[in-house]
């Protein structure tokens, strides 16, 4: 699974011009499920995301997690993270998992994050989503698990 994790001061997700999800302080987490993913590490991934220390403590050091600061997570499925690296101008998404598998893993990840005590807002799987974000830092992390 591939992720882009952004520290945000707030995010609003819309589908068809209607607000579907909204968070204040926390993380945007874009999740790409690839065809080779087997789902065995979803619990570990949730722990890594929730405990990722990218928020500042009183000494302005990145020592706090989203859970430590009482933040929220906007979790968005994003198949475009599973591109094939190549030198062309058009990305290939053949590494992306099929929609049933991708949605299952995405929902399992949301459930695991909730079990860890962090509020999770989600996008609409497969929908054309518009996300308005107030980046904080900006801090953007790319992770593969």
N, C-alpha and C. Protein backbone atom coordinates (compact mmCIF):
# COMPACT_ATOMS: atom_id res chain seq x y z
N UNK A 1 0.86 -1.18 0.00
CA UNK A 1 0.00 0.00 0.00
C UNK A 1 0.89 1.23 0.00
N UNK A 2 0.42 2.24 -0.68
CA UNK A 2 1.18 3.49 -0.79
C UNK A 2 0.35 4.64 -0.23
N UNK A 3 1.05 5.57 0.42
CA UNK A 3 0.37 6.66 1.11
C UNK A 3 1.06 7.99 0.89
N UNK A 4 0.27 9.04 0.80
CA UNK A 4 0.74 10.40 0.95
C UNK A 4 0.03 10.93 2.19
N UNK A 5 0.82 11.40 3.15
CA UNK A 5 0.29 11.88 4.42
C UNK A 5 0.64 13.36 4.53
N UNK A 6 -0.38 14.19 4.74
CA UNK A 6 -0.20 15.63 4.81
C UNK A 6 -0.66 16.14 6.17
N UNK A 7 0.16 16.98 6.79
CA UNK A 7 -0.28 17.65 8.01
C UNK A 7 -1.13 18.84 7.59
N UNK A 8 -2.32 18.95 8.19
CA UNK A 8 -3.26 20.00 7.77
C UNK A 8 -3.84 20.74 8.97
N UNK A 9 -4.25 21.96 8.70
CA UNK A 9 -5.01 22.74 9.68
C UNK A 9 -6.50 22.55 9.47
N UNK A 10 -6.86 21.90 8.36
CA UNK A 10 -8.25 21.59 8.08
C UNK A 10 -8.42 21.12 6.65
N UNK A 11 -9.45 20.30 6.42
CA UNK A 11 -9.77 19.81 5.08
C UNK A 11 -11.27 19.60 4.96
N UNK A 12 -11.78 19.91 3.78
CA UNK A 12 -13.18 19.68 3.46
C UNK A 12 -13.24 18.89 2.16
N UNK A 13 -13.98 17.79 2.18
CA UNK A 13 -14.12 16.93 1.01
C UNK A 13 -15.55 17.04 0.50
N UNK A 14 -15.68 17.32 -0.80
CA UNK A 14 -16.99 17.46 -1.42
C UNK A 14 -17.15 16.46 -2.56
N UNK A 15 -18.37 16.00 -2.75
CA UNK A 15 -18.77 15.21 -3.90
C UNK A 15 -20.04 15.86 -4.43
N UNK A 16 -20.06 16.17 -5.72
CA UNK A 16 -21.21 16.85 -6.33
C UNK A 16 -21.57 18.13 -5.57
N UNK A 17 -20.55 18.88 -5.19
CA UNK A 17 -20.71 20.16 -4.49
C UNK A 17 -21.34 20.05 -3.11
N UNK A 18 -21.40 18.86 -2.55
CA UNK A 18 -21.94 18.66 -1.21
C UNK A 18 -20.82 18.22 -0.28
N UNK A 19 -20.75 18.84 0.90
CA UNK A 19 -19.75 18.45 1.88
C UNK A 19 -20.06 17.04 2.38
N UNK A 20 -19.09 16.16 2.20
CA UNK A 20 -19.23 14.76 2.62
C UNK A 20 -18.46 14.52 3.92
N UNK A 21 -17.26 15.09 4.01
CA UNK A 21 -16.40 14.92 5.18
C UNK A 21 -15.63 16.19 5.43
N UNK A 22 -15.32 16.40 6.71
CA UNK A 22 -14.57 17.60 7.08
C UNK A 22 -13.79 17.31 8.36
N UNK A 23 -12.54 17.77 8.38
CA UNK A 23 -11.75 17.68 9.61
C UNK A 23 -11.15 19.04 9.90
N UNK A 24 -10.78 19.22 11.14
CA UNK A 24 -10.05 20.43 11.51
C UNK A 24 -8.57 20.06 11.51
N UNK A 25 -7.91 20.19 12.59
CA UNK A 25 -6.48 19.92 12.74
C UNK A 25 -6.20 18.42 12.63
N UNK A 26 -5.22 18.04 11.80
CA UNK A 26 -4.87 16.63 11.71
C UNK A 26 -4.12 16.25 10.47
N UNK A 27 -4.54 15.15 9.84
CA UNK A 27 -3.85 14.60 8.69
C UNK A 27 -4.81 14.30 7.55
N UNK A 28 -4.38 14.61 6.34
CA UNK A 28 -4.97 14.02 5.14
C UNK A 28 -4.13 12.79 4.85
N UNK A 29 -4.78 11.66 4.65
CA UNK A 29 -4.07 10.43 4.31
C UNK A 29 -4.67 9.89 3.01
N UNK A 30 -3.87 9.94 1.94
CA UNK A 30 -4.28 9.40 0.66
C UNK A 30 -3.73 7.98 0.58
N UNK A 31 -4.61 7.02 0.30
CA UNK A 31 -4.28 5.60 0.38
C UNK A 31 -4.44 4.94 -0.98
N UNK A 32 -3.35 4.38 -1.50
CA UNK A 32 -3.40 3.62 -2.73
C UNK A 32 -3.18 2.15 -2.45
N UNK A 33 -4.13 1.34 -2.87
CA UNK A 33 -4.02 -0.11 -2.69
C UNK A 33 -3.55 -0.71 -4.01
N UNK A 34 -2.43 -1.42 -3.96
CA UNK A 34 -1.84 -2.01 -5.16
C UNK A 34 -2.22 -3.49 -5.27
N UNK A 35 -2.14 -4.01 -6.48
CA UNK A 35 -2.58 -5.39 -6.74
C UNK A 35 -1.81 -6.42 -5.91
N UNK A 36 -0.57 -6.14 -5.56
CA UNK A 36 0.25 -7.09 -4.80
C UNK A 36 0.00 -7.04 -3.29
N UNK A 37 -0.76 -6.07 -2.82
CA UNK A 37 -1.04 -5.96 -1.38
C UNK A 37 -1.91 -7.12 -0.93
N UNK A 38 -1.59 -7.67 0.25
CA UNK A 38 -2.37 -8.80 0.75
C UNK A 38 -3.20 -8.47 1.99
N UNK A 39 -3.07 -7.25 2.51
CA UNK A 39 -3.89 -6.84 3.64
C UNK A 39 -3.42 -7.32 4.99
N UNK A 40 -2.35 -8.08 5.02
CA UNK A 40 -1.89 -8.65 6.30
C UNK A 40 -1.29 -7.61 7.23
N UNK A 41 -0.93 -6.45 6.71
CA UNK A 41 -0.25 -5.45 7.53
C UNK A 41 -1.10 -4.20 7.80
N UNK A 42 -2.40 -4.28 7.61
CA UNK A 42 -3.26 -3.11 7.78
C UNK A 42 -3.23 -2.59 9.22
N UNK A 43 -3.23 -3.47 10.18
CA UNK A 43 -3.15 -3.05 11.59
C UNK A 43 -1.84 -2.31 11.86
N UNK A 44 -0.74 -2.83 11.33
CA UNK A 44 0.57 -2.19 11.49
C UNK A 44 0.58 -0.81 10.81
N UNK A 45 -0.01 -0.71 9.63
CA UNK A 45 -0.06 0.56 8.91
C UNK A 45 -0.85 1.59 9.72
N UNK A 46 -1.98 1.18 10.26
CA UNK A 46 -2.80 2.09 11.08
C UNK A 46 -1.97 2.62 12.25
N UNK A 47 -1.24 1.74 12.92
CA UNK A 47 -0.38 2.14 14.03
C UNK A 47 0.68 3.14 13.58
N UNK A 48 1.29 2.88 12.44
CA UNK A 48 2.33 3.78 11.93
C UNK A 48 1.76 5.17 11.64
N UNK A 49 0.59 5.21 11.00
CA UNK A 49 -0.02 6.50 10.66
C UNK A 49 -0.40 7.27 11.92
N UNK A 50 -1.07 6.60 12.84
CA UNK A 50 -1.53 7.25 14.07
C UNK A 50 -0.36 7.73 14.92
N UNK A 51 0.76 7.03 14.89
CA UNK A 51 1.91 7.37 15.73
C UNK A 51 3.02 8.12 15.00
N UNK A 52 2.79 8.49 13.74
CA UNK A 52 3.78 9.25 12.98
C UNK A 52 3.97 10.62 13.64
N UNK A 53 5.19 10.90 14.05
CA UNK A 53 5.47 12.13 14.81
C UNK A 53 5.82 13.28 13.86
N UNK A 54 4.79 14.00 13.43
CA UNK A 54 5.02 15.13 12.52
C UNK A 54 4.34 16.41 13.02
N UNK A 55 4.01 16.44 14.32
CA UNK A 55 3.46 17.64 14.94
C UNK A 55 4.46 18.13 15.97
N UNK A 56 4.54 19.44 16.13
CA UNK A 56 5.54 20.04 17.01
C UNK A 56 5.15 19.98 18.48
N UNK A 57 6.16 19.76 19.31
CA UNK A 57 5.97 19.84 20.76
C UNK A 57 6.27 21.27 21.20
N UNK A 58 6.35 21.48 22.51
CA UNK A 58 6.59 22.83 23.05
C UNK A 58 7.95 23.39 22.65
N UNK A 59 8.89 22.54 22.22
CA UNK A 59 10.21 22.99 21.78
C UNK A 59 10.32 23.09 20.26
N UNK A 60 9.17 23.01 19.59
CA UNK A 60 9.08 23.08 18.13
C UNK A 60 9.82 21.94 17.43
N UNK A 61 9.90 20.82 18.10
CA UNK A 61 10.47 19.60 17.52
C UNK A 61 9.31 18.71 17.08
N UNK A 62 9.50 17.97 16.00
CA UNK A 62 8.46 17.06 15.51
C UNK A 62 8.45 15.79 16.35
N UNK A 63 7.81 15.88 17.52
CA UNK A 63 7.78 14.77 18.46
C UNK A 63 6.38 14.26 18.77
N UNK A 64 5.35 14.87 18.20
CA UNK A 64 3.98 14.50 18.54
C UNK A 64 3.25 13.89 17.35
N UNK A 65 2.36 12.98 17.67
CA UNK A 65 1.54 12.32 16.65
C UNK A 65 0.17 12.98 16.56
N UNK A 66 -0.60 12.56 15.57
CA UNK A 66 -1.97 13.07 15.42
C UNK A 66 -2.79 12.73 16.66
N UNK A 67 -2.55 11.59 17.24
CA UNK A 67 -3.27 11.20 18.46
C UNK A 67 -2.86 12.09 19.63
N UNK A 68 -1.56 12.38 19.73
CA UNK A 68 -1.05 13.22 20.82
C UNK A 68 -1.67 14.60 20.82
N UNK A 69 -1.94 15.15 19.63
CA UNK A 69 -2.46 16.52 19.52
C UNK A 69 -3.98 16.56 19.43
N UNK A 70 -4.64 15.41 19.55
CA UNK A 70 -6.09 15.37 19.46
C UNK A 70 -6.61 15.67 18.07
N UNK A 71 -5.81 15.33 17.07
CA UNK A 71 -6.19 15.60 15.68
C UNK A 71 -7.08 14.53 15.09
N UNK A 72 -7.49 14.80 13.86
CA UNK A 72 -8.36 13.89 13.12
C UNK A 72 -7.67 13.48 11.83
N UNK A 73 -8.22 12.47 11.17
CA UNK A 73 -7.67 12.01 9.90
C UNK A 73 -8.77 12.01 8.84
N UNK A 74 -8.44 12.60 7.69
CA UNK A 74 -9.28 12.47 6.50
C UNK A 74 -8.61 11.42 5.64
N UNK A 75 -9.24 10.25 5.52
CA UNK A 75 -8.70 9.12 4.78
C UNK A 75 -9.38 9.06 3.42
N UNK A 76 -8.57 9.13 2.35
CA UNK A 76 -9.10 9.18 0.99
C UNK A 76 -8.45 8.09 0.15
N UNK A 77 -9.26 7.25 -0.47
CA UNK A 77 -8.74 6.25 -1.38
C UNK A 77 -8.23 6.95 -2.64
N UNK A 78 -7.04 6.53 -3.12
CA UNK A 78 -6.43 7.21 -4.25
C UNK A 78 -5.63 6.22 -5.09
N UNK A 79 -6.29 5.64 -6.10
CA UNK A 79 -5.63 4.62 -6.94
C UNK A 79 -4.45 5.19 -7.71
N UNK A 80 -4.40 6.49 -7.90
CA UNK A 80 -3.31 7.08 -8.69
C UNK A 80 -1.96 6.97 -8.00
N UNK A 81 -1.94 6.58 -6.73
CA UNK A 81 -0.65 6.36 -6.06
C UNK A 81 0.04 5.09 -6.55
N UNK A 82 -0.72 4.23 -7.21
CA UNK A 82 -0.15 2.95 -7.67
C UNK A 82 0.23 3.04 -9.15
N UNK A 83 0.99 4.06 -9.48
CA UNK A 83 1.46 4.20 -10.86
C UNK A 83 2.70 3.36 -11.09
N UNK A 84 2.93 3.06 -12.35
CA UNK A 84 4.13 2.35 -12.77
C UNK A 84 5.18 3.41 -13.09
N UNK A 85 6.33 3.34 -12.43
CA UNK A 85 7.37 4.31 -12.76
C UNK A 85 7.92 4.06 -14.16
N UNK A 86 7.85 5.06 -14.99
CA UNK A 86 8.39 4.95 -16.35
C UNK A 86 8.72 6.35 -16.85
N UNK A 87 9.29 6.43 -17.99
CA UNK A 87 9.74 7.73 -18.48
C UNK A 87 8.73 8.44 -19.37
N UNK A 88 7.60 7.84 -19.60
CA UNK A 88 6.59 8.46 -20.46
C UNK A 88 5.87 9.60 -19.78
N UNK A 89 4.97 10.22 -20.51
CA UNK A 89 4.20 11.35 -19.99
C UNK A 89 2.83 10.96 -19.46
N UNK A 90 2.39 9.76 -19.75
CA UNK A 90 1.08 9.31 -19.29
C UNK A 90 1.26 8.20 -18.27
N UNK A 91 0.77 8.41 -17.03
CA UNK A 91 0.96 7.37 -16.02
C UNK A 91 0.13 6.13 -16.32
N UNK A 92 0.65 4.99 -15.92
CA UNK A 92 -0.05 3.72 -16.04
C UNK A 92 -0.47 3.27 -14.65
N UNK A 93 -1.72 2.85 -14.51
CA UNK A 93 -2.24 2.46 -13.21
C UNK A 93 -2.46 0.95 -13.12
N UNK A 94 -1.73 0.18 -13.90
CA UNK A 94 -1.95 -1.27 -13.91
C UNK A 94 -1.56 -1.94 -12.59
N UNK A 95 -0.82 -1.24 -11.75
CA UNK A 95 -0.46 -1.80 -10.44
C UNK A 95 -1.58 -1.64 -9.42
N UNK A 96 -2.62 -0.87 -9.73
CA UNK A 96 -3.72 -0.64 -8.80
C UNK A 96 -4.54 -1.91 -8.60
N UNK A 97 -4.97 -2.11 -7.38
CA UNK A 97 -5.84 -3.26 -7.07
C UNK A 97 -7.22 -3.04 -7.69
N UNK A 98 -7.95 -4.13 -7.89
CA UNK A 98 -9.32 -3.98 -8.39
C UNK A 98 -10.16 -3.28 -7.32
N UNK A 99 -11.28 -2.71 -7.74
CA UNK A 99 -12.05 -1.83 -6.85
C UNK A 99 -12.57 -2.54 -5.60
N UNK A 100 -12.96 -3.80 -5.70
CA UNK A 100 -13.47 -4.51 -4.52
C UNK A 100 -12.39 -4.69 -3.46
N UNK A 101 -11.23 -5.12 -3.88
CA UNK A 101 -10.11 -5.31 -2.96
C UNK A 101 -9.68 -3.97 -2.37
N UNK A 102 -9.54 -2.97 -3.23
CA UNK A 102 -9.10 -1.65 -2.77
C UNK A 102 -10.07 -1.07 -1.74
N UNK A 103 -11.35 -1.17 -2.00
CA UNK A 103 -12.35 -0.64 -1.07
C UNK A 103 -12.34 -1.41 0.25
N UNK A 104 -12.20 -2.72 0.17
CA UNK A 104 -12.14 -3.53 1.40
C UNK A 104 -10.97 -3.11 2.28
N UNK A 105 -9.79 -2.98 1.70
CA UNK A 105 -8.60 -2.62 2.48
C UNK A 105 -8.70 -1.20 3.02
N UNK A 106 -9.24 -0.31 2.22
CA UNK A 106 -9.45 1.10 2.62
C UNK A 106 -10.37 1.16 3.84
N UNK A 107 -11.48 0.44 3.80
CA UNK A 107 -12.42 0.45 4.92
C UNK A 107 -11.83 -0.23 6.15
N UNK A 108 -11.06 -1.30 5.95
CA UNK A 108 -10.39 -1.96 7.07
C UNK A 108 -9.39 -1.01 7.74
N UNK A 109 -8.67 -0.25 6.92
CA UNK A 109 -7.71 0.71 7.48
C UNK A 109 -8.44 1.78 8.30
N UNK A 110 -9.55 2.29 7.79
CA UNK A 110 -10.33 3.28 8.54
C UNK A 110 -10.77 2.71 9.89
N UNK A 111 -11.23 1.47 9.89
CA UNK A 111 -11.67 0.82 11.14
C UNK A 111 -10.51 0.66 12.12
N UNK A 112 -9.34 0.27 11.62
CA UNK A 112 -8.18 0.08 12.51
C UNK A 112 -7.74 1.42 13.12
N UNK A 113 -7.78 2.49 12.33
CA UNK A 113 -7.42 3.81 12.87
C UNK A 113 -8.41 4.22 13.96
N UNK A 114 -9.69 3.99 13.71
CA UNK A 114 -10.71 4.32 14.72
C UNK A 114 -10.48 3.55 16.01
N UNK A 115 -10.08 2.27 15.90
CA UNK A 115 -9.81 1.45 17.08
C UNK A 115 -8.68 2.04 17.92
N UNK A 116 -7.80 2.81 17.28
CA UNK A 116 -6.67 3.42 17.98
C UNK A 116 -7.03 4.77 18.61
N UNK A 117 -8.30 5.14 18.52
CA UNK A 117 -8.78 6.33 19.20
C UNK A 117 -8.70 7.63 18.44
N UNK A 118 -8.55 7.55 17.12
CA UNK A 118 -8.48 8.77 16.31
C UNK A 118 -9.72 8.85 15.43
N UNK A 119 -10.37 10.01 15.43
CA UNK A 119 -11.53 10.23 14.58
C UNK A 119 -11.11 10.18 13.10
N UNK A 120 -11.85 9.41 12.30
CA UNK A 120 -11.54 9.25 10.88
C UNK A 120 -12.74 9.70 10.07
N UNK A 121 -12.51 10.64 9.17
CA UNK A 121 -13.49 11.02 8.16
C UNK A 121 -13.03 10.38 6.86
N UNK A 122 -13.95 9.97 6.02
CA UNK A 122 -13.57 9.28 4.79
C UNK A 122 -14.15 9.98 3.57
N UNK A 123 -13.54 9.66 2.45
CA UNK A 123 -14.06 10.10 1.17
C UNK A 123 -15.11 9.12 0.70
N UNK A 124 -15.51 9.26 -0.55
CA UNK A 124 -16.48 8.35 -1.16
C UNK A 124 -15.71 7.53 -2.19
N UNK A 125 -15.56 6.25 -1.91
CA UNK A 125 -14.75 5.40 -2.76
C UNK A 125 -15.22 5.46 -4.21
N UNK A 126 -14.30 5.73 -5.12
CA UNK A 126 -14.58 5.75 -6.55
C UNK A 126 -15.24 7.01 -7.07
N UNK A 127 -15.55 7.94 -6.18
CA UNK A 127 -16.22 9.18 -6.61
C UNK A 127 -15.20 10.22 -7.07
N UNK A 128 -15.69 11.18 -7.82
CA UNK A 128 -14.89 12.35 -8.19
C UNK A 128 -15.00 13.32 -7.02
N UNK A 129 -13.92 13.43 -6.25
CA UNK A 129 -13.93 14.22 -5.02
C UNK A 129 -13.13 15.50 -5.20
N UNK A 130 -13.61 16.55 -4.58
CA UNK A 130 -12.87 17.81 -4.51
C UNK A 130 -12.49 18.01 -3.04
N UNK A 131 -11.20 18.28 -2.82
CA UNK A 131 -10.71 18.42 -1.45
C UNK A 131 -10.06 19.79 -1.30
N UNK A 132 -10.62 20.54 -0.39
CA UNK A 132 -10.07 21.85 -0.06
C UNK A 132 -9.27 21.68 1.22
N UNK A 133 -7.98 22.03 1.15
CA UNK A 133 -7.07 21.73 2.25
C UNK A 133 -6.28 22.97 2.65
N UNK A 134 -6.10 23.13 3.94
CA UNK A 134 -5.22 24.15 4.50
C UNK A 134 -4.01 23.41 5.05
N UNK A 135 -2.96 23.29 4.21
CA UNK A 135 -1.76 22.57 4.61
C UNK A 135 -1.07 23.27 5.77
N UNK A 136 -0.43 22.49 6.61
CA UNK A 136 0.27 23.01 7.78
C UNK A 136 1.74 22.64 7.66
N UNK A 137 2.57 23.63 7.40
CA UNK A 137 4.01 23.41 7.28
C UNK A 137 4.58 23.95 5.99
N UNK A 138 4.32 23.38 4.86
CA UNK A 138 3.65 22.11 4.65
C UNK A 138 4.56 20.93 4.97
N UNK A 139 3.94 19.90 5.50
CA UNK A 139 4.63 18.64 5.72
C UNK A 139 3.86 17.57 4.96
N UNK A 140 4.55 16.92 4.02
CA UNK A 140 3.99 15.86 3.20
C UNK A 140 4.94 14.67 3.23
N UNK A 141 4.41 13.51 3.57
CA UNK A 141 5.23 12.30 3.69
C UNK A 141 4.71 11.26 2.72
N UNK A 142 5.61 10.60 1.99
CA UNK A 142 5.24 9.48 1.14
C UNK A 142 5.73 8.22 1.81
N UNK A 143 4.84 7.22 1.96
CA UNK A 143 5.21 5.96 2.61
C UNK A 143 4.69 4.79 1.79
N UNK A 144 5.48 3.73 1.75
CA UNK A 144 5.05 2.46 1.18
C UNK A 144 5.16 1.40 2.27
N UNK A 145 4.14 0.56 2.36
CA UNK A 145 4.15 -0.53 3.34
C UNK A 145 3.92 -1.83 2.61
